[in-house]
Amino acid sequence: MWPALTGLLLASALAFHFWWRRNYQALRRLFEEQQKQLVALRESRDDAAAQVRAQQQAVFNSMVEGVLVLDESSKVQLVNRSLQKLFSLSADVRGQTIIEAFRLPELADLMKRLRQECSMQSYTLELPGMEERWVEVNAAAVLDRDGIQRGAILVFHDLTRIKQLERTRQEFVANVSHELRTPLSLIKGFVETLLEGAKNDPEKATRFLQTIEKHTDRLTFLIEDLLTISRLESGQIIMNLHPVDLREETQRVAEDLKSRADEKQVALDNQVPEGLRAHADADRLQQVLFNLIENAIKYGRPSGRVLIGGSAIADGKVELWVRDDGPGIPAEARERVFERFYRVDRARSRETGGTGLGLSIVKHIVQAHGGEVWLKSELGEGTTFHFTLPAD
């Protein structure tokens, strides 16, 4: 019996051996194929996930608003390009906490409030730095099915330009109100005096009426200048461009201002070369020259000299300048003299008159021609205003 059983076992082992040899390669190929399918499935899944992440990043980067995505421990998961630019982020801040990435305690406080309120709207924040920057932050918590916070999304909108415009509007309204109030108060005072009996004194009545006329003219000039600036800024004034002889235009303005120059015994010296021409609006150019030359007469020294010059320069442009020999402009005021209503010396400006809008009008007219305007000044050595125009 045992020999028969042993023989059967040997036969079975031999049969399994031959079966294994015959099917091993097939099994191996099947195993390898399954492995390849698993690897391909993983790669496909990873590719799909990477594609989704890339699409999300592309969407976020296309947004004008800054976007910040945080995980449940308030660590940065994603920032878009607008946010990098807004906060001047040069390094990769992913994985950092919000305080490590932005160094702003206000944002950390915002996250604490967000854990309690789950949503924050229109939170205004001023960013530190040399330049003024304001942002509006809208934040929302990311909740799972059980209502547990798993992260947060913050959207930042740049408010800097809006803040600057609002401040400019407020300053403009305050300045206009002040400029209007002064002559109106004087006019009202003289009218009341006339009504109280001064009208019966011919000499007083004449003097008071002349003063009223003077301040009425001042109001008229202020309103006209305000309308001019408004039209220039809104593009409502269309420049009538044609060839202009700059020496002739300069001489025409100098003759118009000769009487004012004579009052201060100021000599007007027109050194603009013959034949220098520009492609410009003659009426607007006269307005620029009138403002600059009048200021030079007004703020130059008595018995002084005002020089008007010009030359052709590179890039198809011409340059004109108006130079006085007055006290000069302090360094801190040179960048602001073209602002509306800005006055270097308010007390002196009130005495000499004017609306405080002349240089602002000059700047807008020159820029409307595609030119630039600037000044050079040294204390005690006078001031020179330069501007460029397209050559003809």
Protein backbone atom coordinates (compact mmCIF):
# COMPACT_ATOMS: atom_id res chain seq x y z
CA MET A 1 0.00 0.00 0.00
CA TRP A 2 2.72 2.46 0.95
CA PRO A 3 4.60 2.01 -2.33
CA ALA A 4 1.39 2.73 -4.24
CA LEU A 5 0.66 5.84 -2.13
CA THR A 6 4.21 7.10 -2.57
CA GLY A 7 3.98 6.62 -6.28
CA LEU A 8 0.69 8.51 -6.38
CA LEU A 9 2.20 11.44 -4.48
CA LEU A 10 5.20 11.51 -6.77
CA ALA A 11 2.93 11.46 -9.79
CA SER A 12 0.83 14.31 -8.37
CA ALA A 13 3.93 16.36 -7.60
CA LEU A 14 5.27 15.71 -11.06
CA ALA A 15 1.95 16.71 -12.62
CA PHE A 16 1.80 19.95 -10.53
CA HIS A 17 5.38 20.69 -11.55
CA PHE A 18 4.54 20.40 -15.24
CA TRP A 19 1.31 22.43 -14.75
CA TRP A 20 3.22 25.16 -12.86
CA ARG A 21 5.89 25.34 -15.56
CA ARG A 22 3.22 25.59 -18.23
CA ASN A 23 1.14 28.32 -16.48
CA TYR A 24 3.85 30.32 -14.61
CA GLN A 25 4.56 32.69 -17.47
CA ALA A 26 0.86 33.29 -18.02
CA LEU A 27 0.31 33.99 -14.32
CA ARG A 28 3.34 36.25 -14.24
CA ARG A 29 2.13 38.20 -17.27
CA LEU A 30 -1.33 38.52 -15.68
CA PHE A 31 0.23 39.78 -12.41
CA GLU A 32 2.43 42.29 -14.23
CA GLU A 33 -0.55 43.51 -16.27
CA GLN A 34 -2.56 44.05 -13.10
CA GLN A 35 0.39 45.94 -11.57
CA LYS A 36 0.60 48.18 -14.65
CA GLN A 37 -3.12 48.85 -14.47
CA LEU A 38 -2.82 49.82 -10.80
CA VAL A 39 0.11 52.15 -11.54
CA ALA A 40 -1.76 53.69 -14.49
CA LEU A 41 -4.83 54.16 -12.30
CA ARG A 42 -2.76 55.90 -9.64
CA GLU A 43 -1.04 58.11 -12.25
CA SER A 44 -4.39 58.93 -13.84
CA ARG A 45 -5.81 59.84 -10.44
CA ASP A 46 -2.73 61.96 -9.62
CA ASP A 47 -2.90 63.63 -13.04
CA ALA A 48 -6.57 64.39 -12.57
CA ALA A 49 -5.89 65.83 -9.11
CA ALA A 50 -2.96 67.88 -10.46
CA GLN A 51 -5.11 69.14 -13.31
CA VAL A 52 -7.85 70.18 -10.90
CA ARG A 53 -5.27 71.99 -8.74
CA ALA A 54 -3.81 73.70 -11.81
CA GLN A 55 -7.26 74.79 -12.95
CA GLN A 56 -8.04 76.14 -9.49
CA GLN A 57 -4.73 78.01 -9.38
CA ALA A 58 -5.36 79.44 -12.86
CA VAL A 59 -8.81 80.66 -11.81
CA PHE A 60 -7.42 82.22 -8.63
CA ASN A 61 -4.53 83.85 -10.50
CA SER A 62 -6.93 85.41 -13.02
CA MET A 63 -8.82 87.19 -10.24
CA VAL A 64 -8.19 90.88 -9.61
CA GLU A 65 -8.88 90.39 -5.91
CA GLY A 66 -6.32 88.74 -3.68
CA VAL A 67 -7.30 85.23 -2.51
CA LEU A 68 -5.95 83.42 0.55
CA VAL A 69 -6.91 79.82 1.45
CA LEU A 70 -6.12 78.49 4.94
CA ASP A 71 -6.41 75.02 6.45
CA GLU A 72 -8.00 74.12 9.79
CA SER A 73 -4.87 75.16 11.71
CA SER A 74 -4.78 78.55 9.92
CA LYS A 75 -1.79 77.63 7.79
CA VAL A 76 -1.54 78.98 4.27
CA GLN A 77 -2.59 76.52 1.57
CA LEU A 78 -2.90 78.85 -1.41
CA VAL A 79 -2.26 82.47 -2.38
CA ASN A 80 -2.93 83.93 -5.82
CA ARG A 81 -0.79 86.40 -7.76
CA SER A 82 -2.95 89.41 -6.89
CA LEU A 83 -2.41 88.73 -3.20
CA GLN A 84 1.34 88.26 -3.71
CA LYS A 85 1.48 91.62 -5.46
CA LEU A 86 -0.74 93.36 -2.92
CA PHE A 87 1.39 92.23 0.03
CA SER A 88 4.70 92.25 -1.90
CA LEU A 89 5.29 88.57 -1.12
CA SER A 90 8.53 87.37 -2.70
CA ALA A 91 8.85 83.97 -0.95
CA ASP A 92 6.54 80.95 -0.94
CA VAL A 93 4.43 81.26 2.21
CA ARG A 94 2.51 78.00 1.88
CA GLY A 95 2.64 75.99 5.07
CA GLN A 96 3.21 79.07 7.23
CA THR A 97 0.72 80.41 9.75
CA ILE A 98 -1.06 83.62 8.83
CA ILE A 99 0.99 85.65 11.31
CA GLU A 100 4.25 84.15 9.99
CA ALA A 101 3.32 84.84 6.39
CA PHE A 102 1.94 88.38 6.71
CA ARG A 103 3.21 89.77 10.04
CA LEU A 104 -0.14 91.45 10.64
CA PRO A 105 -1.74 90.99 14.07
CA GLU A 106 -4.98 92.38 12.59
CA LEU A 107 -5.29 89.33 10.31
CA ALA A 108 -4.68 86.98 13.23
CA ASP A 109 -7.43 88.79 15.18
CA LEU A 110 -9.69 88.48 12.15
CA MET A 111 -9.17 84.69 12.13
CA LYS A 112 -10.10 84.51 15.83
CA ARG A 113 -13.36 86.35 15.11
CA LEU A 114 -13.98 84.13 12.09
CA ARG A 115 -13.91 81.00 14.28
CA GLN A 116 -16.84 82.43 16.22
CA GLU A 117 -18.82 84.20 13.49
CA CYS A 118 -17.98 81.98 10.45
CA SER A 119 -18.25 84.99 8.14
CA MET A 120 -16.78 88.51 7.98
CA GLN A 121 -17.80 91.21 5.50
CA SER A 122 -16.13 94.50 4.52
CA TYR A 123 -13.36 94.48 7.13
CA THR A 124 -11.13 97.48 6.28
CA LEU A 125 -7.41 97.20 6.93
CA GLU A 126 -4.51 99.61 6.37
CA LEU A 127 -1.32 97.83 5.36
CA PRO A 128 1.97 99.04 6.87
CA GLY A 129 4.73 100.32 4.62
CA MET A 130 6.17 103.41 2.98
CA GLU A 131 3.26 103.76 0.55
CA GLU A 132 -0.36 104.15 1.57
CA ARG A 133 -2.30 100.91 1.02
CA TRP A 134 -5.82 99.99 2.11
CA VAL A 135 -7.65 96.69 1.62
CA GLU A 136 -11.16 95.42 2.24
CA VAL A 137 -11.27 91.82 3.52
CA ASN A 138 -14.21 89.43 3.13
CA ALA A 139 -13.74 86.09 4.89
CA ALA A 140 -15.71 82.85 5.21
CA ALA A 141 -15.07 79.67 7.18
CA VAL A 142 -15.05 76.31 5.33
CA LEU A 143 -17.27 73.84 7.24
CA ASP A 144 -17.60 70.06 6.92
CA ARG A 145 -20.89 68.12 7.10
CA ASP A 146 -20.83 68.25 10.86
CA GLY A 147 -20.39 72.03 10.92
CA ILE A 148 -16.76 71.83 12.06
CA GLN A 149 -14.40 74.42 10.56
CA ARG A 150 -11.85 72.86 8.24
CA GLY A 151 -10.29 76.04 6.90
CA ALA A 152 -11.07 79.52 5.63
CA ILE A 153 -11.10 81.59 2.46
CA LEU A 154 -10.21 85.30 2.55
CA VAL A 155 -10.71 87.68 -0.37
CA PHE A 156 -8.82 91.01 -0.40
CA HIS A 157 -9.98 94.01 -2.45
CA ASP A 158 -7.57 96.93 -2.94
CA LEU A 159 -9.23 100.12 -1.62
CA THR A 160 -6.18 102.38 -1.94
CA ARG A 161 -7.36 104.30 -5.02
CA ILE A 162 -10.87 104.71 -3.60
CA LYS A 163 -9.47 106.03 -0.30
CA GLN A 164 -7.22 108.48 -2.13
CA LEU A 165 -10.08 109.72 -4.32
CA GLU A 166 -12.33 110.14 -1.29
CA ARG A 167 -9.65 112.17 0.51
CA THR A 168 -9.11 114.27 -2.62
CA ARG A 169 -12.86 114.89 -2.85
CA GLN A 170 -13.03 115.95 0.79
CA GLU A 171 -10.04 118.26 0.40
CA PHE A 172 -11.51 119.67 -2.80
CA VAL A 173 -14.88 120.42 -1.18
CA ALA A 174 -13.15 122.00 1.83
CA ASN A 175 -10.91 124.16 -0.38
CA VAL A 176 -13.72 125.27 -2.68
CA SER A 177 -15.89 126.12 0.31
CA HIS A 178 -13.08 128.21 1.78
CA GLU A 179 -12.32 129.96 -1.52
CA LEU A 180 -16.00 130.79 -2.01
CA ARG A 181 -16.65 131.83 1.59
CA THR A 182 -13.97 134.54 1.69
CA PRO A 183 -15.18 136.74 -1.19
CA LEU A 184 -18.85 136.06 -0.38
CA SER A 185 -18.32 137.21 3.22
CA LEU A 186 -16.62 140.40 2.01
CA ILE A 187 -19.34 141.09 -0.52
CA LYS A 188 -22.04 140.53 2.09
CA GLY A 189 -20.27 142.80 4.59
CA PHE A 190 -19.94 145.70 2.13
CA VAL A 191 -23.55 145.32 0.95
CA GLU A 192 -24.77 145.46 4.56
CA THR A 193 -22.65 148.55 5.16
CA LEU A 194 -24.12 150.22 2.06
CA LEU A 195 -27.66 149.37 3.17
CA GLU A 196 -27.01 150.77 6.63
CA GLY A 197 -26.31 154.21 5.16
CA ALA A 198 -22.96 154.18 3.41
CA LYS A 199 -24.80 154.39 0.07
CA ASN A 200 -25.58 158.01 0.91
CA ASP A 201 -21.86 158.85 0.93
CA PRO A 202 -20.80 158.86 -2.76
CA GLU A 203 -17.12 158.39 -2.02
CA LYS A 204 -17.67 155.41 0.30
CA ALA A 205 -20.33 153.93 -1.94
CA THR A 206 -17.99 154.05 -4.95
CA ARG A 207 -15.12 152.48 -3.01
CA PHE A 208 -17.33 149.73 -1.59
CA LEU A 209 -18.86 148.95 -4.98
CA GLN A 210 -15.40 148.71 -6.53
CA THR A 211 -14.42 146.22 -3.82
CA ILE A 212 -17.61 144.24 -4.44
CA GLU A 213 -16.83 144.18 -8.16
CA LYS A 214 -13.28 142.96 -7.44
CA HIS A 215 -14.49 140.01 -5.34
CA THR A 216 -17.27 139.23 -7.79
CA ASP A 217 -14.60 138.92 -10.47
CA ARG A 218 -12.64 136.65 -8.15
CA LEU A 219 -15.66 134.37 -7.81
CA THR A 220 -16.13 134.38 -11.58
CA PHE A 221 -12.50 133.43 -12.18
CA LEU A 222 -12.73 130.65 -9.57
CA ILE A 223 -15.82 129.13 -11.18
CA GLU A 224 -14.32 129.40 -14.66
CA ASP A 225 -11.12 127.68 -13.51
CA LEU A 226 -13.09 124.93 -11.77
CA LEU A 227 -15.09 124.31 -14.94
CA THR A 228 -11.89 124.26 -17.00
CA ILE A 229 -10.26 121.64 -14.76
CA SER A 230 -13.43 119.56 -14.73
CA ARG A 231 -13.61 119.57 -18.53
CA LEU A 232 -9.92 118.79 -18.90
CA GLU A 233 -10.09 115.87 -16.47
CA SER A 234 -13.20 114.43 -18.09
CA GLY A 235 -11.85 114.87 -21.63
CA GLN A 236 -14.67 117.22 -22.64
CA ILE A 237 -12.24 119.80 -24.01
CA ILE A 238 -11.09 118.80 -27.49
CA MET A 239 -7.69 120.17 -28.45
CA ASN A 240 -7.68 122.09 -31.74
CA LEU A 241 -4.17 121.08 -32.78
CA HIS A 242 -2.36 122.87 -35.60
CA PRO A 243 1.10 124.39 -36.26
CA VAL A 244 1.84 127.22 -33.80
CA ASP A 245 4.68 129.73 -33.89
CA LEU A 246 5.87 129.72 -30.28
CA ARG A 247 7.65 133.07 -30.34
CA GLU A 248 4.53 134.82 -31.66
CA GLU A 249 2.30 133.19 -29.03
CA THR A 250 4.76 134.03 -26.26
CA GLN A 251 5.00 137.64 -27.42
CA ARG A 252 1.22 137.95 -27.54
CA VAL A 253 0.88 136.80 -23.92
CA ALA A 254 3.79 139.04 -22.80
CA GLU A 255 2.05 142.07 -24.30
CA ASP A 256 -1.20 141.17 -22.52
CA LEU A 257 0.67 141.07 -19.20
CA LYS A 258 2.85 144.14 -19.80
CA SER A 259 0.72 146.42 -17.63
CA ARG A 260 1.00 144.03 -14.66
CA ALA A 261 4.74 143.74 -15.21
CA ASP A 262 5.06 147.54 -15.33
CA GLU A 263 3.28 147.85 -11.98
CA LYS A 264 6.13 145.86 -10.36
CA GLN A 265 8.74 147.26 -12.74
CA VAL A 266 9.45 143.72 -13.97
CA ALA A 267 11.11 143.28 -17.37
CA LEU A 268 9.68 140.56 -19.64
CA ASP A 269 12.41 139.03 -21.81
CA ASN A 270 11.13 136.83 -24.64
CA GLN A 271 14.06 134.69 -25.82
CA VAL A 272 12.05 132.03 -27.66
CA PRO A 273 13.90 131.49 -30.97
CA GLU A 274 12.37 132.57 -34.26
CA GLY A 275 10.87 129.70 -36.22
CA LEU A 276 10.36 127.38 -33.22
CA ARG A 277 7.04 125.68 -33.84
CA ALA A 278 4.81 123.20 -32.03
CA HIS A 279 1.74 121.16 -32.88
CA ALA A 280 -0.64 122.57 -30.30
CA ASP A 281 -3.91 124.30 -29.47
CA ALA A 282 -3.01 128.01 -29.62
CA ASP A 283 -5.73 129.11 -27.18
CA ARG A 284 -4.78 126.52 -24.57
CA LEU A 285 -1.08 127.25 -25.06
CA GLN A 286 -1.76 130.92 -24.35
CA GLN A 287 -3.57 129.84 -21.17
CA VAL A 288 -0.48 127.89 -20.06
CA LEU A 289 1.90 130.77 -20.85
CA PHE A 290 -0.42 133.33 -19.22
CA ASN A 291 -0.54 131.38 -15.94
CA LEU A 292 3.21 130.76 -15.83
CA ILE A 293 4.26 134.30 -16.79
CA GLU A 294 1.67 135.90 -14.49
CA ASN A 295 2.96 133.78 -11.58
CA ALA A 296 6.54 134.74 -12.42
CA ILE A 297 5.57 138.43 -12.29
CA LYS A 298 3.54 137.96 -9.14
CA TYR A 299 6.12 135.98 -7.14
CA GLY A 300 9.33 137.37 -8.64
CA ARG A 301 11.17 140.23 -6.99
CA PRO A 302 10.14 143.84 -7.69
CA SER A 303 12.21 145.48 -10.44
CA GLY A 304 13.25 141.99 -11.46
CA ARG A 305 13.25 140.06 -14.72
CA VAL A 306 11.16 137.26 -16.18
CA LEU A 307 12.79 135.18 -18.91
CA ILE A 308 10.82 133.09 -21.41
CA GLY A 309 12.87 130.67 -23.50
CA GLY A 310 12.55 127.57 -25.64
CA SER A 311 14.37 125.05 -27.81
CA ALA A 312 13.86 121.92 -29.86
CA ILE A 313 14.72 118.70 -28.03
CA ALA A 314 14.91 115.00 -28.86
CA ASP A 315 11.98 112.67 -29.67
CA GLY A 316 10.19 115.23 -31.83
CA LYS A 317 9.40 117.66 -29.03
CA VAL A 318 10.01 121.26 -28.09
CA GLU A 319 10.60 122.64 -24.62
CA LEU A 320 9.55 126.03 -23.25
CA TRP A 321 10.45 127.53 -19.89
CA VAL A 322 9.55 130.56 -17.78
CA ARG A 323 12.13 131.74 -15.24
CA ASP A 324 11.74 134.28 -12.44
CA ASP A 325 14.25 135.71 -9.93
CA GLY A 326 12.05 135.38 -6.86
CA PRO A 327 12.71 133.68 -3.51
CA GLY A 328 12.37 130.16 -4.91
CA ILE A 329 10.20 127.26 -3.76
CA PRO A 330 11.08 125.07 -0.75
CA ALA A 331 12.01 121.46 -1.56
CA GLU A 332 9.03 120.01 0.34
CA ALA A 333 6.59 122.07 -1.76
CA ARG A 334 8.00 121.38 -5.24
CA GLU A 335 6.09 118.12 -5.70
CA ARG A 336 2.80 119.69 -4.64
CA VAL A 337 2.64 123.00 -6.48
CA PHE A 338 0.58 121.43 -9.30
CA GLU A 339 -2.11 120.28 -6.87
CA ARG A 340 -5.41 122.13 -6.88
CA PHE A 341 -5.53 124.98 -4.33
CA TYR A 342 -2.05 124.20 -3.00
CA ARG A 343 -0.19 127.39 -2.02
CA VAL A 344 3.42 127.63 -0.91
CA ASP A 345 2.74 130.82 1.05
CA ARG A 346 -0.99 131.09 1.79
CA ALA A 347 -0.78 134.55 3.32
CA ARG A 348 1.08 136.00 0.33
CA SER A 349 -1.19 134.20 -2.11
CA ARG A 350 -4.25 135.77 -0.53
CA GLU A 351 -2.66 139.21 -0.91
CA THR A 352 -1.74 138.70 -4.57
CA GLY A 353 -5.07 137.10 -5.50
CA GLY A 354 -5.64 134.14 -7.77
CA THR A 355 -7.72 131.00 -7.48
CA GLY A 356 -4.97 128.51 -6.61
CA LEU A 357 -5.87 126.49 -9.70
CA GLY A 358 -3.53 127.99 -12.30
CA LEU A 359 -0.71 125.45 -12.11
CA SER A 360 -3.16 122.56 -11.98
CA ILE A 361 -4.71 123.85 -15.22
CA VAL A 362 -1.21 124.17 -16.71
CA LYS A 363 -0.45 120.54 -15.86
CA HIS A 364 -3.69 119.21 -17.37
CA ILE A 365 -3.36 121.22 -20.59
CA VAL A 366 0.26 120.16 -21.12
CA GLN A 367 -0.60 116.51 -20.45
CA ALA A 368 -3.54 116.73 -22.85
CA HIS A 369 -0.96 117.65 -25.53
CA GLY A 370 1.12 114.59 -24.62
CA GLY A 371 3.76 116.72 -22.89
CA GLU A 372 5.27 116.99 -19.42
CA VAL A 373 5.62 119.88 -16.97
CA TRP A 374 8.11 120.27 -14.12
CA LEU A 375 10.04 122.90 -12.20
CA LYS A 376 13.53 123.62 -10.95
CA SER A 377 14.07 125.93 -8.02
CA GLU A 378 16.70 126.97 -5.50
CA LEU A 379 15.91 129.08 -2.46
CA GLY A 380 17.01 132.64 -3.08
CA GLU A 381 17.76 131.98 -6.77
CA GLY A 382 14.31 131.90 -8.35
CA THR A 383 12.19 129.25 -10.03
CA THR A 384 11.98 127.92 -13.59
CA PHE A 385 8.92 126.10 -14.92
CA HIS A 386 9.54 123.81 -17.91
CA PHE A 387 7.04 122.08 -20.20
CA THR A 388 7.19 120.14 -23.45
CA LEU A 389 4.95 120.02 -26.52
CA PRO A 390 5.02 117.93 -29.71
CA ALA A 391 7.07 119.67 -32.39
CA ASP A 392 5.43 120.57 -35.67
